[in-house]
Amino acid sequence: MSEALSPTRKRIVDAATKLFYAEGIGRVSVDAVAEKAGLTKRTLYYHFKSKDELIAAYLDGRDQPNIKQMAGWFEAAEGGVERKVEAIFTNLARVAKNPKWKGCGFLRTAAELASMPGHPAVKAGSRHKKNFETWLAGELSGHGVGEPQTLAREIVLLMDGAFSIMLIHRNPDYVEAAGHAAATLVRARSWQKD
């Protein structure tokens, strides 16, 4: 059985995910993660060589579920591709209204590790952002939108900017405004294709 599929490893990552997202990586000790997982610290270190490796596993574990969720919002939206892109932002605004919402875990972790650009968790966050951008570019291309790679990058900038400002103001209106801007960009690229 692969270590990634180990039930104990999954239990540790699940506990870390809850704690790291709620409190931040710097405020959560390995002892706290072990306790939340109902395991000893020794068992945790058997599965993860360091807290750094555990933080990266937390983010890697969020990559595909987050993209799948956004892809679901995109697919479920009615209307043209600009409405589908805007739906991602509309749903993010809805999620951000939940009192337990703490922002983008990838960005929050990168901010905590800003002085450590080679950290495995920063690399995991970078992979996630690139994976989302690549997925979005593929969707835009499939819908006949011009310059899909450039547009996907611009939309990621709008999204991450909205995430950042929402952490400061705690106001999901910013992500909705970013969604309107993203839809405008998509419409402009769609017209260029005609």
N, C-alpha and C. Protein backbone atom coordinates (compact mmCIF):
# COMPACT_ATOMS: atom_id res chain seq x y z
N MET A 1 0.84 -1.20 0.00
CA MET A 1 0.00 0.00 0.00
C MET A 1 0.87 1.25 0.00
N SER A 2 0.54 2.19 -0.80
CA SER A 2 1.30 3.44 -0.91
C SER A 2 1.19 4.24 0.38
N GLU A 3 2.30 4.90 0.74
CA GLU A 3 2.28 5.73 1.94
C GLU A 3 1.23 6.84 1.83
N ALA A 4 1.01 7.35 0.62
CA ALA A 4 0.03 8.42 0.41
C ALA A 4 -1.38 7.93 0.71
N LEU A 5 -1.63 6.62 0.58
CA LEU A 5 -2.96 6.06 0.83
C LEU A 5 -3.11 5.50 2.23
N SER A 6 -2.06 5.53 3.02
CA SER A 6 -2.10 5.00 4.37
C SER A 6 -3.19 5.69 5.19
N PRO A 7 -4.05 4.92 5.86
CA PRO A 7 -5.09 5.54 6.69
C PRO A 7 -4.51 6.43 7.80
N THR A 8 -3.39 6.03 8.35
CA THR A 8 -2.78 6.85 9.41
C THR A 8 -2.27 8.16 8.84
N ARG A 9 -1.62 8.08 7.71
CA ARG A 9 -1.12 9.31 7.06
C ARG A 9 -2.29 10.24 6.72
N LYS A 10 -3.38 9.67 6.21
CA LYS A 10 -4.55 10.47 5.88
C LYS A 10 -5.12 11.12 7.14
N ARG A 11 -5.16 10.38 8.23
CA ARG A 11 -5.66 10.92 9.50
C ARG A 11 -4.81 12.11 9.96
N ILE A 12 -3.52 12.00 9.80
CA ILE A 12 -2.61 13.08 10.20
C ILE A 12 -2.83 14.31 9.31
N VAL A 13 -2.91 14.09 8.00
CA VAL A 13 -3.12 15.21 7.08
C VAL A 13 -4.48 15.86 7.33
N ASP A 14 -5.50 15.07 7.58
CA ASP A 14 -6.83 15.63 7.88
C ASP A 14 -6.79 16.51 9.13
N ALA A 15 -6.11 16.04 10.16
CA ALA A 15 -5.98 16.82 11.40
C ALA A 15 -5.19 18.10 11.14
N ALA A 16 -4.08 17.97 10.41
CA ALA A 16 -3.26 19.14 10.09
C ALA A 16 -4.05 20.15 9.27
N THR A 17 -4.82 19.67 8.31
CA THR A 17 -5.62 20.55 7.46
C THR A 17 -6.56 21.40 8.30
N LYS A 18 -7.27 20.76 9.21
CA LYS A 18 -8.21 21.50 10.06
C LYS A 18 -7.48 22.55 10.91
N LEU A 19 -6.38 22.15 11.51
CA LEU A 19 -5.66 23.07 12.39
C LEU A 19 -4.92 24.16 11.62
N PHE A 20 -4.19 23.79 10.58
CA PHE A 20 -3.42 24.78 9.82
C PHE A 20 -4.34 25.81 9.18
N TYR A 21 -5.47 25.37 8.63
CA TYR A 21 -6.38 26.31 7.97
C TYR A 21 -7.02 27.24 9.00
N ALA A 22 -7.40 26.70 10.13
CA ALA A 22 -8.09 27.50 11.15
C ALA A 22 -7.16 28.48 11.86
N GLU A 23 -5.92 28.05 12.11
CA GLU A 23 -5.05 28.84 12.98
C GLU A 23 -3.77 29.36 12.31
N GLY A 24 -3.42 28.80 11.16
CA GLY A 24 -2.16 29.18 10.51
C GLY A 24 -1.07 28.20 10.88
N ILE A 25 -0.11 28.04 10.01
CA ILE A 25 0.91 27.01 10.23
C ILE A 25 1.86 27.35 11.37
N GLY A 26 2.13 28.62 11.57
CA GLY A 26 3.06 29.01 12.63
C GLY A 26 2.50 28.83 14.03
N ARG A 27 1.20 28.87 14.15
CA ARG A 27 0.56 28.79 15.47
C ARG A 27 0.22 27.37 15.88
N VAL A 28 0.42 26.42 14.98
CA VAL A 28 0.05 25.03 15.26
C VAL A 28 1.31 24.19 15.40
N SER A 29 1.43 23.53 16.53
CA SER A 29 2.60 22.68 16.77
C SER A 29 2.35 21.26 16.26
N VAL A 30 3.42 20.53 16.09
CA VAL A 30 3.32 19.12 15.72
C VAL A 30 2.58 18.36 16.82
N ASP A 31 2.81 18.75 18.07
CA ASP A 31 2.09 18.12 19.18
C ASP A 31 0.59 18.28 19.03
N ALA A 32 0.16 19.47 18.64
CA ALA A 32 -1.28 19.73 18.46
C ALA A 32 -1.86 18.88 17.33
N VAL A 33 -1.10 18.73 16.25
CA VAL A 33 -1.58 17.90 15.13
C VAL A 33 -1.68 16.45 15.57
N ALA A 34 -0.67 15.94 16.27
CA ALA A 34 -0.69 14.56 16.76
C ALA A 34 -1.88 14.34 17.69
N GLU A 35 -2.11 15.28 18.58
CA GLU A 35 -3.25 15.17 19.50
C GLU A 35 -4.58 15.16 18.75
N LYS A 36 -4.73 16.06 17.80
CA LYS A 36 -5.97 16.14 17.01
C LYS A 36 -6.19 14.84 16.22
N ALA A 37 -5.10 14.23 15.75
CA ALA A 37 -5.19 12.98 14.99
C ALA A 37 -5.37 11.77 15.90
N GLY A 38 -5.19 11.98 17.21
CA GLY A 38 -5.32 10.87 18.15
C GLY A 38 -4.16 9.91 18.08
N LEU A 39 -2.97 10.46 17.80
CA LEU A 39 -1.76 9.65 17.65
C LEU A 39 -0.64 10.24 18.49
N THR A 40 0.42 9.49 18.61
CA THR A 40 1.59 10.02 19.29
C THR A 40 2.41 10.86 18.31
N LYS A 41 3.22 11.73 18.87
CA LYS A 41 4.12 12.54 18.05
C LYS A 41 5.10 11.62 17.31
N ARG A 42 5.50 10.56 17.95
CA ARG A 42 6.42 9.61 17.33
C ARG A 42 5.79 9.00 16.07
N THR A 43 4.50 8.64 16.17
CA THR A 43 3.79 8.09 15.01
C THR A 43 3.73 9.11 13.89
N LEU A 44 3.45 10.36 14.25
CA LEU A 44 3.42 11.42 13.24
C LEU A 44 4.76 11.52 12.53
N TYR A 45 5.84 11.52 13.29
CA TYR A 45 7.16 11.63 12.68
C TYR A 45 7.58 10.37 11.92
N TYR A 46 6.92 9.26 12.17
CA TYR A 46 7.16 8.06 11.37
C TYR A 46 6.63 8.29 9.95
N HIS A 47 5.52 9.01 9.82
CA HIS A 47 4.88 9.26 8.52
C HIS A 47 5.37 10.53 7.84
N PHE A 48 5.85 11.49 8.62
CA PHE A 48 6.34 12.76 8.08
C PHE A 48 7.66 13.08 8.76
N LYS A 49 8.69 13.33 7.95
CA LYS A 49 10.02 13.58 8.50
C LYS A 49 10.11 14.89 9.26
N SER A 50 9.23 15.86 8.89
CA SER A 50 9.30 17.18 9.51
C SER A 50 7.95 17.87 9.42
N LYS A 51 7.81 18.93 10.17
CA LYS A 51 6.61 19.75 10.08
C LYS A 51 6.51 20.35 8.68
N ASP A 52 7.64 20.72 8.10
CA ASP A 52 7.65 21.28 6.75
C ASP A 52 7.02 20.30 5.74
N GLU A 53 7.37 19.02 5.85
CA GLU A 53 6.80 18.01 4.96
C GLU A 53 5.29 17.88 5.19
N LEU A 54 4.87 17.99 6.44
CA LEU A 54 3.45 17.91 6.78
C LEU A 54 2.68 19.11 6.22
N ILE A 55 3.27 20.28 6.29
CA ILE A 55 2.63 21.49 5.75
C ILE A 55 2.46 21.34 4.24
N ALA A 56 3.47 20.83 3.56
CA ALA A 56 3.37 20.62 2.11
C ALA A 56 2.30 19.58 1.80
N ALA A 57 2.19 18.53 2.60
CA ALA A 57 1.17 17.50 2.38
C ALA A 57 -0.23 18.10 2.58
N TYR A 58 -0.38 18.99 3.55
CA TYR A 58 -1.65 19.69 3.77
C TYR A 58 -2.07 20.43 2.50
N LEU A 59 -1.15 21.18 1.90
CA LEU A 59 -1.49 21.94 0.70
C LEU A 59 -1.68 21.03 -0.52
N ASP A 60 -0.81 20.04 -0.67
CA ASP A 60 -0.98 19.11 -1.79
C ASP A 60 -2.34 18.41 -1.72
N GLY A 61 -2.79 18.14 -0.52
CA GLY A 61 -4.09 17.49 -0.33
C GLY A 61 -5.27 18.38 -0.69
N ARG A 62 -5.06 19.68 -0.74
CA ARG A 62 -6.12 20.63 -1.08
C ARG A 62 -6.13 20.96 -2.57
N ASP A 63 -5.09 20.63 -3.31
CA ASP A 63 -4.96 21.02 -4.71
C ASP A 63 -6.15 20.55 -5.55
N GLN A 64 -6.28 19.26 -5.75
CA GLN A 64 -7.32 18.75 -6.64
C GLN A 64 -8.74 18.97 -6.10
N PRO A 65 -8.99 18.81 -4.80
CA PRO A 65 -10.35 19.13 -4.32
C PRO A 65 -10.76 20.58 -4.60
N ASN A 66 -9.84 21.51 -4.44
CA ASN A 66 -10.17 22.92 -4.71
C ASN A 66 -10.45 23.14 -6.20
N ILE A 67 -9.61 22.58 -7.05
CA ILE A 67 -9.81 22.74 -8.49
C ILE A 67 -11.11 22.05 -8.91
N LYS A 68 -11.38 20.88 -8.36
CA LYS A 68 -12.62 20.16 -8.68
C LYS A 68 -13.84 20.98 -8.27
N GLN A 69 -13.77 21.62 -7.11
CA GLN A 69 -14.89 22.44 -6.67
C GLN A 69 -15.11 23.62 -7.63
N MET A 70 -14.05 24.30 -8.01
CA MET A 70 -14.18 25.43 -8.92
C MET A 70 -14.65 24.97 -10.30
N ALA A 71 -14.15 23.81 -10.75
CA ALA A 71 -14.60 23.25 -12.03
C ALA A 71 -16.09 22.93 -11.98
N GLY A 72 -16.56 22.46 -10.85
CA GLY A 72 -17.99 22.17 -10.69
C GLY A 72 -18.83 23.44 -10.79
N TRP A 73 -18.36 24.51 -10.15
CA TRP A 73 -19.08 25.78 -10.24
C TRP A 73 -19.10 26.28 -11.69
N PHE A 74 -17.97 26.14 -12.36
CA PHE A 74 -17.84 26.56 -13.75
C PHE A 74 -18.84 25.79 -14.62
N GLU A 75 -18.85 24.47 -14.49
CA GLU A 75 -19.71 23.62 -15.31
C GLU A 75 -21.19 23.85 -15.02
N ALA A 76 -21.54 24.08 -13.77
CA ALA A 76 -22.95 24.22 -13.38
C ALA A 76 -23.55 25.56 -13.80
N ALA A 77 -22.72 26.54 -14.06
CA ALA A 77 -23.22 27.88 -14.39
C ALA A 77 -23.87 27.88 -15.77
N GLU A 78 -25.00 28.56 -15.84
CA GLU A 78 -25.68 28.71 -17.12
C GLU A 78 -25.15 29.95 -17.83
N GLY A 79 -25.25 29.94 -19.15
CA GLY A 79 -24.80 31.08 -19.93
C GLY A 79 -23.46 30.81 -20.59
N GLY A 80 -22.93 31.88 -21.16
CA GLY A 80 -21.67 31.79 -21.87
C GLY A 80 -20.48 31.61 -20.94
N VAL A 81 -19.32 31.49 -21.55
CA VAL A 81 -18.09 31.24 -20.79
C VAL A 81 -17.81 32.37 -19.79
N GLU A 82 -18.18 33.61 -20.13
CA GLU A 82 -17.94 34.70 -19.18
C GLU A 82 -18.77 34.51 -17.91
N ARG A 83 -20.00 33.96 -18.04
CA ARG A 83 -20.85 33.68 -16.87
C ARG A 83 -20.28 32.52 -16.07
N LYS A 84 -19.69 31.57 -16.75
CA LYS A 84 -19.09 30.42 -16.07
C LYS A 84 -17.89 30.85 -15.23
N VAL A 85 -17.07 31.73 -15.80
CA VAL A 85 -15.92 32.25 -15.04
C VAL A 85 -16.42 33.08 -13.87
N GLU A 86 -17.39 33.93 -14.11
CA GLU A 86 -17.92 34.77 -13.04
C GLU A 86 -18.53 33.92 -11.93
N ALA A 87 -19.11 32.77 -12.28
CA ALA A 87 -19.72 31.88 -11.28
C ALA A 87 -18.69 31.37 -10.26
N ILE A 88 -17.46 31.18 -10.70
CA ILE A 88 -16.41 30.77 -9.75
C ILE A 88 -16.28 31.85 -8.67
N PHE A 89 -16.22 33.09 -9.07
CA PHE A 89 -16.08 34.20 -8.12
C PHE A 89 -17.33 34.35 -7.25
N THR A 90 -18.50 34.22 -7.85
CA THR A 90 -19.76 34.33 -7.10
C THR A 90 -19.82 33.28 -6.00
N ASN A 91 -19.41 32.06 -6.34
CA ASN A 91 -19.42 30.99 -5.35
C ASN A 91 -18.33 31.18 -4.29
N LEU A 92 -17.19 31.72 -4.69
CA LEU A 92 -16.16 32.03 -3.70
C LEU A 92 -16.66 33.09 -2.71
N ALA A 93 -17.41 34.07 -3.22
CA ALA A 93 -17.98 35.11 -2.34
C ALA A 93 -18.96 34.47 -1.36
N ARG A 94 -19.76 33.52 -1.85
CA ARG A 94 -20.72 32.83 -0.97
C ARG A 94 -19.98 32.06 0.13
N VAL A 95 -18.94 31.34 -0.26
CA VAL A 95 -18.14 30.58 0.70
C VAL A 95 -17.47 31.51 1.72
N ALA A 96 -17.01 32.66 1.24
CA ALA A 96 -16.31 33.61 2.11
C ALA A 96 -17.23 34.21 3.18
N LYS A 97 -18.53 34.11 2.99
CA LYS A 97 -19.47 34.63 3.99
C LYS A 97 -19.57 33.73 5.21
N ASN A 98 -19.08 32.52 5.10
CA ASN A 98 -19.08 31.60 6.23
C ASN A 98 -18.09 32.09 7.28
N PRO A 99 -18.51 32.17 8.55
CA PRO A 99 -17.60 32.67 9.59
C PRO A 99 -16.32 31.85 9.75
N LYS A 100 -16.33 30.60 9.29
CA LYS A 100 -15.13 29.75 9.41
C LYS A 100 -14.16 29.96 8.25
N TRP A 101 -14.57 30.76 7.25
CA TRP A 101 -13.70 31.00 6.11
C TRP A 101 -12.51 31.85 6.54
N LYS A 102 -11.32 31.39 6.19
CA LYS A 102 -10.09 32.08 6.59
C LYS A 102 -9.26 32.52 5.40
N GLY A 103 -9.84 32.49 4.21
CA GLY A 103 -9.09 32.90 3.03
C GLY A 103 -8.48 31.71 2.31
N CYS A 104 -7.65 32.01 1.36
CA CYS A 104 -6.98 30.99 0.57
C CYS A 104 -5.82 30.42 1.39
N GLY A 105 -5.90 29.15 1.73
CA GLY A 105 -4.86 28.51 2.52
C GLY A 105 -3.50 28.52 1.84
N PHE A 106 -3.50 28.47 0.52
CA PHE A 106 -2.24 28.50 -0.23
C PHE A 106 -1.55 29.86 -0.07
N LEU A 107 -2.33 30.93 -0.21
CA LEU A 107 -1.77 32.28 -0.07
C LEU A 107 -1.37 32.57 1.37
N ARG A 108 -2.20 32.16 2.32
CA ARG A 108 -1.87 32.40 3.73
C ARG A 108 -0.58 31.69 4.11
N THR A 109 -0.42 30.47 3.64
CA THR A 109 0.80 29.72 3.94
C THR A 109 2.01 30.37 3.29
N ALA A 110 1.86 30.77 2.03
CA ALA A 110 2.97 31.44 1.34
C ALA A 110 3.36 32.73 2.06
N ALA A 111 2.37 33.45 2.58
CA ALA A 111 2.67 34.69 3.32
C ALA A 111 3.44 34.38 4.60
N GLU A 112 3.05 33.31 5.28
CA GLU A 112 3.77 32.93 6.51
C GLU A 112 5.20 32.50 6.21
N LEU A 113 5.42 31.99 5.01
CA LEU A 113 6.74 31.48 4.64
C LEU A 113 7.44 32.38 3.62
N ALA A 114 7.07 33.64 3.58
CA ALA A 114 7.59 34.57 2.57
C ALA A 114 9.11 34.63 2.54
N SER A 115 9.75 34.44 3.66
CA SER A 115 11.22 34.52 3.68
C SER A 115 11.88 33.18 3.33
N MET A 116 11.05 32.18 2.95
CA MET A 116 11.58 30.85 2.65
C MET A 116 11.04 30.37 1.29
N PRO A 117 11.44 31.01 0.19
CA PRO A 117 10.85 30.67 -1.11
C PRO A 117 11.06 29.23 -1.57
N GLY A 118 12.06 28.55 -1.05
CA GLY A 118 12.30 27.16 -1.43
C GLY A 118 11.58 26.15 -0.57
N HIS A 119 10.79 26.62 0.39
CA HIS A 119 10.08 25.73 1.31
C HIS A 119 9.15 24.80 0.51
N PRO A 120 9.05 23.53 0.90
CA PRO A 120 8.19 22.59 0.17
C PRO A 120 6.72 23.05 0.10
N ALA A 121 6.24 23.74 1.12
CA ALA A 121 4.85 24.21 1.10
C ALA A 121 4.67 25.36 0.11
N VAL A 122 5.66 26.20 -0.03
CA VAL A 122 5.59 27.29 -1.02
C VAL A 122 5.56 26.68 -2.42
N LYS A 123 6.36 25.65 -2.61
CA LYS A 123 6.35 24.95 -3.91
C LYS A 123 5.00 24.28 -4.16
N ALA A 124 4.38 23.72 -3.11
CA ALA A 124 3.05 23.10 -3.24
C ALA A 124 2.02 24.16 -3.61
N GLY A 125 2.10 25.33 -3.00
CA GLY A 125 1.19 26.42 -3.33
C GLY A 125 1.38 26.89 -4.76
N SER A 126 2.61 26.97 -5.19
CA SER A 126 2.92 27.37 -6.55
C SER A 126 2.35 26.37 -7.55
N ARG A 127 2.51 25.08 -7.24
CA ARG A 127 1.95 24.03 -8.12
C ARG A 127 0.44 24.18 -8.23
N HIS A 128 -0.21 24.42 -7.08
CA HIS A 128 -1.68 24.55 -7.10
C HIS A 128 -2.12 25.72 -7.97
N LYS A 129 -1.49 26.87 -7.78
CA LYS A 129 -1.88 28.05 -8.56
C LYS A 129 -1.64 27.79 -10.05
N LYS A 130 -0.55 27.12 -10.39
CA LYS A 130 -0.26 26.80 -11.79
C LYS A 130 -1.26 25.77 -12.32
N ASN A 131 -1.61 24.78 -11.50
CA ASN A 131 -2.60 23.77 -11.92
C ASN A 131 -3.95 24.43 -12.21
N PHE A 132 -4.37 25.36 -11.35
CA PHE A 132 -5.64 26.05 -11.59
C PHE A 132 -5.55 26.87 -12.87
N GLU A 133 -4.47 27.60 -13.04
CA GLU A 133 -4.29 28.43 -14.23
C GLU A 133 -4.31 27.58 -15.50
N THR A 134 -3.66 26.42 -15.46
CA THR A 134 -3.63 25.52 -16.61
C THR A 134 -5.02 24.96 -16.90
N TRP A 135 -5.74 24.55 -15.84
CA TRP A 135 -7.11 24.06 -16.02
C TRP A 135 -7.97 25.16 -16.66
N LEU A 136 -7.90 26.37 -16.12
CA LEU A 136 -8.72 27.47 -16.61
C LEU A 136 -8.38 27.81 -18.07
N ALA A 137 -7.10 27.83 -18.40
CA ALA A 137 -6.69 28.10 -19.79
C ALA A 137 -7.28 27.05 -20.72
N GLY A 138 -7.30 25.80 -20.30
CA GLY A 138 -7.89 24.74 -21.10
C GLY A 138 -9.38 24.94 -21.33
N GLU A 139 -10.07 25.34 -20.28
CA GLU A 139 -11.51 25.61 -20.40
C GLU A 139 -11.76 26.79 -21.34
N LEU A 140 -10.98 27.85 -21.16
CA LEU A 140 -11.15 29.03 -22.01
C LEU A 140 -10.87 28.69 -23.47
N SER A 141 -9.83 27.93 -23.71
CA SER A 141 -9.49 27.51 -25.07
C SER A 141 -10.61 26.67 -25.66
N GLY A 142 -11.15 25.76 -24.87
CA GLY A 142 -12.24 24.90 -25.32
C GLY A 142 -13.51 25.65 -25.65
N HIS A 143 -13.65 26.83 -25.08
CA HIS A 143 -14.81 27.68 -25.36
C HIS A 143 -14.50 28.73 -26.43
N GLY A 144 -13.34 28.59 -27.09
CA GLY A 144 -13.01 29.48 -28.20
C GLY A 144 -12.60 30.89 -27.81
N VAL A 145 -12.12 31.07 -26.60
CA VAL A 145 -11.71 32.39 -26.14
C VAL A 145 -10.28 32.65 -26.60
N GLY A 146 -10.01 33.86 -27.10
CA GLY A 146 -8.68 34.21 -27.55
C GLY A 146 -7.69 34.36 -26.41
N GLU A 147 -6.44 34.08 -26.69
CA GLU A 147 -5.33 34.20 -25.74
C GLU A 147 -5.66 33.53 -24.39
N PRO A 148 -6.01 32.25 -24.40
CA PRO A 148 -6.47 31.60 -23.17
C PRO A 148 -5.44 31.56 -22.04
N GLN A 149 -4.15 31.38 -22.38
CA GLN A 149 -3.14 31.32 -21.32
C GLN A 149 -2.99 32.68 -20.64
N THR A 150 -2.93 33.73 -21.45
CA THR A 150 -2.80 35.09 -20.89
C THR A 150 -4.03 35.44 -20.07
N LEU A 151 -5.19 35.14 -20.59
CA LEU A 151 -6.44 35.44 -19.89
C LEU A 151 -6.54 34.67 -18.58
N ALA A 152 -6.16 33.40 -18.59
CA ALA A 152 -6.19 32.61 -17.35
C ALA A 152 -5.29 33.23 -16.29
N ARG A 153 -4.13 33.70 -16.71
CA ARG A 153 -3.21 34.35 -15.77
C ARG A 153 -3.82 35.64 -15.20
N GLU A 154 -4.48 36.40 -16.05
CA GLU A 154 -5.13 37.64 -15.60
C GLU A 154 -6.25 37.34 -14.60
N ILE A 155 -6.98 36.27 -14.85
CA ILE A 155 -8.07 35.88 -13.94
C ILE A 155 -7.50 35.42 -12.60
N VAL A 156 -6.40 34.67 -12.64
CA VAL A 156 -5.75 34.26 -11.39
C VAL A 156 -5.30 35.50 -10.60
N LEU A 157 -4.77 36.48 -11.28
CA LEU A 157 -4.38 37.73 -10.60
C LEU A 157 -5.58 38.39 -9.94
N LEU A 158 -6.69 38.44 -10.64
CA LEU A 158 -7.91 39.02 -10.05
C LEU A 158 -8.37 38.21 -8.84
N MET A 159 -8.33 36.90 -8.96
CA MET A 159 -8.78 36.04 -7.87
C MET A 159 -7.90 36.19 -6.63
N ASP A 160 -6.59 36.11 -6.84
CA ASP A 160 -5.69 36.19 -5.69
C ASP A 160 -5.68 37.59 -5.09
N GLY A 161 -5.85 38.61 -5.92
CA GLY A 161 -5.99 39.97 -5.39
C GLY A 161 -7.24 40.09 -4.54
N ALA A 162 -8.33 39.49 -5.01
CA ALA A 162 -9.58 39.52 -4.25
C ALA A 162 -9.42 38.76 -2.92
N PHE A 163 -8.75 37.59 -2.96
CA PHE A 163 -8.51 36.85 -1.73
C PHE A 163 -7.73 37.71 -0.72
N SER A 164 -6.72 38.39 -1.21
CA SER A 164 -5.87 39.19 -0.33
C SER A 164 -6.65 40.34 0.30
N ILE A 165 -7.41 41.07 -0.50
CA ILE A 165 -8.14 42.22 0.03
C ILE A 165 -9.28 41.77 0.95
N MET A 166 -9.85 40.59 0.67
CA MET A 166 -10.90 40.09 1.57
C MET A 166 -10.34 39.75 2.94
N LEU A 167 -9.09 39.31 3.00
CA LEU A 167 -8.49 39.05 4.31
C LEU A 167 -8.35 40.33 5.12
N ILE A 168 -8.15 41.43 4.43
CA ILE A 168 -8.01 42.72 5.12
C ILE A 168 -9.37 43.29 5.51
N HIS A 169 -10.29 43.30 4.58
CA HIS A 169 -11.59 43.94 4.82
C HIS A 169 -12.69 42.99 5.27
N ARG A 170 -12.50 41.71 5.11
CA ARG A 170 -13.52 40.71 5.45
C ARG A 170 -14.84 41.01 4.74
N ASN A 171 -14.73 41.39 3.47
CA ASN A 171 -15.90 41.78 2.70
C ASN A 171 -15.89 41.03 1.37
N PRO A 172 -16.81 40.05 1.20
CA PRO A 172 -16.84 39.27 -0.03
C PRO A 172 -17.25 40.05 -1.27
N ASP A 173 -17.69 41.29 -1.10
CA ASP A 173 -18.01 42.12 -2.27
C ASP A 173 -16.80 42.28 -3.19
N TYR A 174 -15.60 42.20 -2.62
CA TYR A 174 -14.40 42.35 -3.43
C TYR A 174 -14.24 41.20 -4.42
N VAL A 175 -14.56 39.98 -3.99
CA VAL A 175 -14.43 38.85 -4.92
C VAL A 175 -15.52 38.92 -5.99
N GLU A 176 -16.69 39.44 -5.64
CA GLU A 176 -17.74 39.62 -6.65
C GLU A 176 -17.31 40.67 -7.68
N ALA A 177 -16.70 41.75 -7.21
CA ALA A 177 -16.19 42.78 -8.13
C ALA A 177 -15.12 42.19 -9.04
N ALA A 178 -14.26 41.35 -8.49
CA ALA A 178 -13.23 40.70 -9.30
C ALA A 178 -13.88 39.77 -10.33
N GLY A 179 -14.97 39.14 -9.95
CA GLY A 179 -15.69 38.28 -10.89
C GLY A 179 -16.27 39.06 -12.06
N HIS A 180 -16.81 40.25 -11.77
CA HIS A 180 -17.32 41.11 -12.85
C HIS A 180 -16.18 41.51 -13.79
N ALA A 181 -15.04 41.85 -13.21
CA ALA A 181 -13.87 42.23 -14.02
C ALA A 181 -13.41 41.04 -14.87
N ALA A 182 -13.40 39.84 -14.28
CA ALA A 182 -12.99 38.65 -15.03
C ALA A 182 -13.95 38.39 -16.20
N ALA A 183 -15.25 38.55 -15.96
CA ALA A 183 -16.24 38.35 -17.03
C ALA A 183 -16.02 39.36 -18.15
N THR A 184 -15.69 40.59 -17.78
CA THR A 184 -15.41 41.62 -18.79
C THR A 184 -14.21 41.25 -19.64
N LEU A 185 -13.16 40.75 -19.00
CA LEU A 185 -11.97 40.32 -19.75
C LEU A 185 -12.29 39.17 -20.70
N VAL A 186 -13.10 38.22 -20.22
CA VAL A 186 -13.48 37.08 -21.06
C VAL A 186 -14.29 37.57 -22.26
N ARG A 187 -15.24 38.46 -22.03
CA ARG A 187 -16.05 38.99 -23.14
C ARG A 187 -15.16 39.69 -24.17
N ALA A 188 -14.19 40.46 -23.70
CA ALA A 188 -13.29 41.18 -24.61
C ALA A 188 -12.49 40.19 -25.47
N ARG A 189 -12.01 39.09 -24.88
CA ARG A 189 -11.24 38.10 -25.63
C ARG A 189 -12.15 37.30 -26.57
N SER A 190 -13.42 37.13 -26.17
CA SER A 190 -14.36 36.42 -27.03
C SER A 190 -14.65 37.24 -28.29
N TRP A 191 -14.77 38.54 -28.14
CA TRP A 191 -15.04 39.42 -29.28
C TRP A 191 -13.84 39.43 -30.23
N GLN A 192 -12.63 39.35 -29.65
CA GLN A 192 -11.42 39.36 -30.49
C GLN A 192 -11.37 38.12 -31.40
N LYS A 193 -11.99 37.03 -30.95
CA LYS A 193 -11.98 35.78 -31.73
C LYS A 193 -12.93 35.87 -32.93
N ASP A 194 -13.99 36.69 -32.83
CA ASP A 194 -15.01 36.79 -33.90
C ASP A 194 -14.48 37.47 -35.13
